[in-house]
Amino acid sequence: MAKPKQKPDNNIAINKKARHDYFILEQIEAGLVLEGWEVKSLRSKNIQLKESYVLLKNMEAWLLGAHISPLPTASTHKVANPTRTRKLLLHKNEVAKLVGAVERKGFTIVPLSMYWKKGLAKINIGISKGKQKQDKRASIKERDWQRDKQRLLKHSN
């Protein structure tokens, strides 16, 4: 009998800090302009999204602060800059929506996760509003209550 096929892990990186520090109001999927060595590094999941953010300039979206560590076996003739600014590929109406949210409403755009989709690297960005300290405490309290509730339901059955 054949083994059941396992679902491939398409996730490259998840920014857990973004969900802790921000209320995520809307999510948008974007492509990335990458160099060859960066794609190789992403295949081995050598990326950190923790301190990264999205900047809008001249109706274009740019990913700043994402650290992609170069592989030692990657190309030696090209100097690898791990924190270079990378362009995000979005439609005009999506960029216009982001510009409106940032300039008029004061929202922030943060990367939430990076994954593979049909062999292409995609990044999920979120339009978000910053949390205050009391909001973070409320989120932690709610998460703990959900965990306790699951335990109680599990033991009662």
C-alpha atoms as a PDB file:
ATOM      1  CA  MET A   1       0.000   0.000   0.000  1.00  0.00           C
ATOM      2  CA  ALA A   2       1.333   3.445  -0.921  1.00  0.00           C
ATOM      3  CA  LYS A   3       2.066   6.034   1.701  1.00  0.00           C
ATOM      4  CA  PRO A   4      -0.316   8.980   1.790  1.00  0.00           C
ATOM      5  CA  LYS A   5       1.233  12.090   0.301  1.00  0.00           C
ATOM      6  CA  GLN A   6       2.125  14.788   2.787  1.00  0.00           C
ATOM      7  CA  LYS A   7       1.169  18.370   2.078  1.00  0.00           C
ATOM      8  CA  PRO A   8       4.321  20.380   1.327  1.00  0.00           C
ATOM      9  CA  ASP A   9       5.203  23.145   3.770  1.00  0.00           C
ATOM     10  CA  ASN A  10       4.826  26.310   1.682  1.00  0.00           C
ATOM     11  CA  ASN A  11       5.558  28.720   4.541  1.00  0.00           C
ATOM     12  CA  ILE A  12       8.938  30.434   4.436  1.00  0.00           C
ATOM     13  CA  ALA A  13       8.582  32.781   7.414  1.00  0.00           C
ATOM     14  CA  ILE A  14       5.873  34.110   9.723  1.00  0.00           C
ATOM     15  CA  ASN A  15       6.059  37.456  11.519  1.00  0.00           C
ATOM     16  CA  LYS A  16       4.506  36.641  14.911  1.00  0.00           C
ATOM     17  CA  LYS A  17       5.566  39.997  16.358  1.00  0.00           C
ATOM     18  CA  ALA A  18       3.326  41.833  13.876  1.00  0.00           C
ATOM     19  CA  ARG A  19       0.189  40.174  15.222  1.00  0.00           C
ATOM     20  CA  HIS A  20       1.328  40.956  18.777  1.00  0.00           C
ATOM     21  CA  ASP A  21       2.063  44.648  18.140  1.00  0.00           C
ATOM     22  CA  TYR A  22      -0.705  45.542  15.644  1.00  0.00           C
ATOM     23  CA  PHE A  23      -4.410  45.077  14.961  1.00  0.00           C
ATOM     24  CA  ILE A  24      -4.471  43.614  11.435  1.00  0.00           C
ATOM     25  CA  LEU A  25      -7.424  45.112   9.560  1.00  0.00           C
ATOM     26  CA  GLU A  26      -6.832  43.807   6.042  1.00  0.00           C
ATOM     27  CA  GLN A  27      -4.378  41.483   4.286  1.00  0.00           C
ATOM     28  CA  ILE A  28      -2.999  41.744   0.760  1.00  0.00           C
ATOM     29  CA  GLU A  29      -0.843  39.270  -1.152  1.00  0.00           C
ATOM     30  CA  ALA A  30       2.133  40.714  -3.031  1.00  0.00           C
ATOM     31  CA  GLY A  31       4.957  39.371  -5.143  1.00  0.00           C
ATOM     32  CA  LEU A  32       8.617  40.252  -4.596  1.00  0.00           C
ATOM     33  CA  VAL A  33      11.473  41.237  -6.868  1.00  0.00           C
ATOM     34  CA  LEU A  34      14.335  38.977  -5.759  1.00  0.00           C
ATOM     35  CA  GLU A  35      17.841  38.136  -6.907  1.00  0.00           C
ATOM     36  CA  GLY A  36      19.003  34.576  -7.509  1.00  0.00           C
ATOM     37  CA  TRP A  37      20.923  34.171  -4.267  1.00  0.00           C
ATOM     38  CA  GLU A  38      17.882  35.428  -2.328  1.00  0.00           C
ATOM     39  CA  VAL A  39      15.655  32.746  -3.831  1.00  0.00           C
ATOM     40  CA  LYS A  40      18.185  30.078  -2.846  1.00  0.00           C
ATOM     41  CA  SER A  41      18.260  31.443   0.699  1.00  0.00           C
ATOM     42  CA  LEU A  42      14.462  31.496   0.866  1.00  0.00           C
ATOM     43  CA  ARG A  43      14.377  27.827  -0.156  1.00  0.00           C
ATOM     44  CA  SER A  44      16.378  27.085   3.005  1.00  0.00           C
ATOM     45  CA  LYS A  45      14.186  29.535   5.021  1.00  0.00           C
ATOM     46  CA  ASN A  46      16.983  31.997   5.865  1.00  0.00           C
ATOM     47  CA  ILE A  47      14.818  35.086   6.309  1.00  0.00           C
ATOM     48  CA  GLN A  48      13.751  37.257   9.223  1.00  0.00           C
ATOM     49  CA  LEU A  49      10.677  39.504   8.967  1.00  0.00           C
ATOM     50  CA  LYS A  50      10.636  40.643  12.598  1.00  0.00           C
ATOM     51  CA  GLU A  51      11.803  44.262  12.175  1.00  0.00           C
ATOM     52  CA  SER A  52      10.633  44.778   8.587  1.00  0.00           C
ATOM     53  CA  TYR A  53       7.978  47.138   7.267  1.00  0.00           C
ATOM     54  CA  VAL A  54       6.553  48.375   3.955  1.00  0.00           C
ATOM     55  CA  LEU A  55       7.280  51.871   2.661  1.00  0.00           C
ATOM     56  CA  LEU A  56       5.272  53.573  -0.099  1.00  0.00           C
ATOM     57  CA  LYS A  57       7.206  55.855  -2.420  1.00  0.00           C
ATOM     58  CA  ASN A  58       6.233  57.161  -5.899  1.00  0.00           C
ATOM     59  CA  MET A  59       3.183  54.843  -6.064  1.00  0.00           C
ATOM     60  CA  GLU A  60       5.405  51.812  -5.466  1.00  0.00           C
ATOM     61  CA  ALA A  61       5.648  49.563  -2.411  1.00  0.00           C
ATOM     62  CA  TRP A  62       9.060  48.635  -0.966  1.00  0.00           C
ATOM     63  CA  LEU A  63       9.972  46.077   1.700  1.00  0.00           C
ATOM     64  CA  LEU A  64      12.541  47.452   4.147  1.00  0.00           C
ATOM     65  CA  GLY A  65      14.338  45.720   6.990  1.00  0.00           C
ATOM     66  CA  ALA A  66      13.766  42.118   5.902  1.00  0.00           C
ATOM     67  CA  HIS A  67      17.001  40.198   6.497  1.00  0.00           C
ATOM     68  CA  ILE A  68      17.753  37.397   4.027  1.00  0.00           C
ATOM     69  CA  SER A  69      20.970  35.656   5.062  1.00  0.00           C
ATOM     70  CA  PRO A  70      23.083  34.636   2.077  1.00  0.00           C
ATOM     71  CA  LEU A  71      24.073  31.001   1.741  1.00  0.00           C
ATOM     72  CA  PRO A  72      27.814  30.281   1.831  1.00  0.00           C
ATOM     73  CA  THR A  73      27.402  28.231  -1.368  1.00  0.00           C
ATOM     74  CA  ALA A  74      25.629  31.025  -3.242  1.00  0.00           C
ATOM     75  CA  SER A  75      27.239  33.051  -6.002  1.00  0.00           C
ATOM     76  CA  THR A  76      30.672  34.424  -5.091  1.00  0.00           C
ATOM     77  CA  HIS A  77      30.938  36.980  -7.918  1.00  0.00           C
ATOM     78  CA  LYS A  78      28.041  39.027  -6.558  1.00  0.00           C
ATOM     79  CA  VAL A  79      28.208  40.887  -3.238  1.00  0.00           C
ATOM     80  CA  ALA A  80      25.141  39.942  -1.202  1.00  0.00           C
ATOM     81  CA  ASN A  81      23.395  42.711   0.742  1.00  0.00           C
ATOM     82  CA  PRO A  82      21.118  40.894   3.239  1.00  0.00           C
ATOM     83  CA  THR A  83      19.000  43.947   4.168  1.00  0.00           C
ATOM     84  CA  ARG A  84      18.588  45.574   0.787  1.00  0.00           C
ATOM     85  CA  THR A  85      15.304  47.273  -0.129  1.00  0.00           C
ATOM     86  CA  ARG A  86      13.098  44.945  -2.176  1.00  0.00           C
ATOM     87  CA  LYS A  87      10.272  46.031  -4.452  1.00  0.00           C
ATOM     88  CA  LEU A  88       6.806  44.577  -3.896  1.00  0.00           C
ATOM     89  CA  LEU A  89       4.694  43.719  -6.927  1.00  0.00           C
ATOM     90  CA  LEU A  90       1.135  45.000  -6.543  1.00  0.00           C
ATOM     91  CA  HIS A  91      -1.631  46.198  -8.844  1.00  0.00           C
ATOM     92  CA  LYS A  92      -2.214  49.960  -9.143  1.00  0.00           C
ATOM     93  CA  ASN A  93      -5.525  49.850  -7.300  1.00  0.00           C
ATOM     94  CA  GLU A  94      -3.931  47.899  -4.421  1.00  0.00           C
ATOM     95  CA  VAL A  95      -1.128  50.474  -4.137  1.00  0.00           C
ATOM     96  CA  ALA A  96      -3.699  53.283  -4.240  1.00  0.00           C
ATOM     97  CA  LYS A  97      -5.635  51.609  -1.393  1.00  0.00           C
ATOM     98  CA  LEU A  98      -2.419  51.307   0.651  1.00  0.00           C
ATOM     99  CA  VAL A  99      -1.477  54.951   0.021  1.00  0.00           C
ATOM    100  CA  GLY A 100      -4.937  56.077   1.122  1.00  0.00           C
ATOM    101  CA  ALA A 101      -4.777  53.997   4.281  1.00  0.00           C
ATOM    102  CA  VAL A 102      -1.320  55.227   5.259  1.00  0.00           C
ATOM    103  CA  GLU A 103      -1.612  58.920   4.375  1.00  0.00           C
ATOM    104  CA  ARG A 104      -5.223  59.680   5.265  1.00  0.00           C
ATOM    105  CA  LYS A 105      -6.038  57.209   8.019  1.00  0.00           C
ATOM    106  CA  GLY A 106      -2.610  56.799   9.644  1.00  0.00           C
ATOM    107  CA  PHE A 107      -2.308  53.024   9.292  1.00  0.00           C
ATOM    108  CA  THR A 108       0.923  51.038   9.097  1.00  0.00           C
ATOM    109  CA  ILE A 109       1.770  48.333   6.574  1.00  0.00           C
ATOM    110  CA  VAL A 110       3.634  45.340   7.997  1.00  0.00           C
ATOM    111  CA  PRO A 111       4.648  42.009   6.436  1.00  0.00           C
ATOM    112  CA  LEU A 112       2.810  39.107   8.065  1.00  0.00           C
ATOM    113  CA  SER A 113       4.158  36.028   6.330  1.00  0.00           C
ATOM    114  CA  MET A 114       6.128  34.825   3.339  1.00  0.00           C
ATOM    115  CA  TYR A 115       5.322  31.652   1.422  1.00  0.00           C
ATOM    116  CA  TRP A 116       5.651  29.831  -1.896  1.00  0.00           C
ATOM    117  CA  LYS A 117       2.742  29.871  -4.328  1.00  0.00           C
ATOM    118  CA  LYS A 118       3.138  28.000  -7.632  1.00  0.00           C
ATOM    119  CA  GLY A 119       6.917  28.253  -7.310  1.00  0.00           C
ATOM    120  CA  LEU A 120       6.907  32.019  -6.710  1.00  0.00           C
ATOM    121  CA  ALA A 121       7.740  33.762  -3.445  1.00  0.00           C
ATOM    122  CA  LYS A 122       4.751  35.723  -2.146  1.00  0.00           C
ATOM    123  CA  ILE A 123       4.456  37.968   0.885  1.00  0.00           C
ATOM    124  CA  ASN A 124       1.297  38.630   2.838  1.00  0.00           C
ATOM    125  CA  ILE A 125       1.184  42.256   4.012  1.00  0.00           C
ATOM    126  CA  GLY A 126      -1.329  43.700   6.429  1.00  0.00           C
ATOM    127  CA  ILE A 127      -2.883  47.127   6.821  1.00  0.00           C
ATOM    128  CA  SER A 128      -2.668  47.580  10.565  1.00  0.00           C
ATOM    129  CA  LYS A 129      -3.122  49.916  13.493  1.00  0.00           C
ATOM    130  CA  GLY A 130      -0.687  49.869  16.429  1.00  0.00           C
ATOM    131  CA  LYS A 131      -1.730  48.367  19.755  1.00  0.00           C
ATOM    132  CA  GLN A 132      -1.335  50.155  23.067  1.00  0.00           C
ATOM    133  CA  LYS A 133       0.094  48.352  26.087  1.00  0.00           C
ATOM    134  CA  GLN A 134      -3.353  47.684  27.549  1.00  0.00           C
ATOM    135  CA  ASP A 135      -4.500  46.227  24.228  1.00  0.00           C
ATOM    136  CA  LYS A 136      -1.590  43.770  24.276  1.00  0.00           C
ATOM    137  CA  ARG A 137      -2.525  42.687  27.795  1.00  0.00           C
ATOM    138  CA  ALA A 138      -6.121  42.145  26.700  1.00  0.00           C
ATOM    139  CA  SER A 139      -4.938  40.011  23.773  1.00  0.00           C
ATOM    140  CA  ILE A 140      -2.806  37.878  26.080  1.00  0.00           C
ATOM    141  CA  LYS A 141      -5.706  37.497  28.529  1.00  0.00           C
ATOM    142  CA  GLU A 142      -8.064  36.451  25.707  1.00  0.00           C
ATOM    143  CA  ARG A 143      -5.545  33.918  24.373  1.00  0.00           C
ATOM    144  CA  ASP A 144      -5.091  32.408  27.851  1.00  0.00           C
ATOM    145  CA  TRP A 145      -8.849  32.169  28.331  1.00  0.00           C
ATOM    146  CA  GLN A 146      -9.259  30.385  24.977  1.00  0.00           C
ATOM    147  CA  ARG A 147      -6.547  27.908  25.978  1.00  0.00           C
ATOM    148  CA  ASP A 148      -8.167  27.257  29.398  1.00  0.00           C
ATOM    149  CA  LYS A 149     -11.581  26.888  27.770  1.00  0.00           C
ATOM    150  CA  GLN A 150     -10.194  24.236  25.384  1.00  0.00           C
ATOM    151  CA  ARG A 151      -8.663  22.364  28.327  1.00  0.00           C
ATOM    152  CA  LEU A 152     -11.961  22.414  30.228  1.00  0.00           C
ATOM    153  CA  LEU A 153     -13.912  21.176  27.223  1.00  0.00           C
ATOM    154  CA  LYS A 154     -11.339  18.438  26.613  1.00  0.00           C
ATOM    155  CA  HIS A 155     -11.511  17.169  30.213  1.00  0.00           C
ATOM    156  CA  SER A 156     -15.323  17.330  30.439  1.00  0.00           C
ATOM    157  CA  ASN A 157     -15.778  14.996  27.428  1.00  0.00           C
END
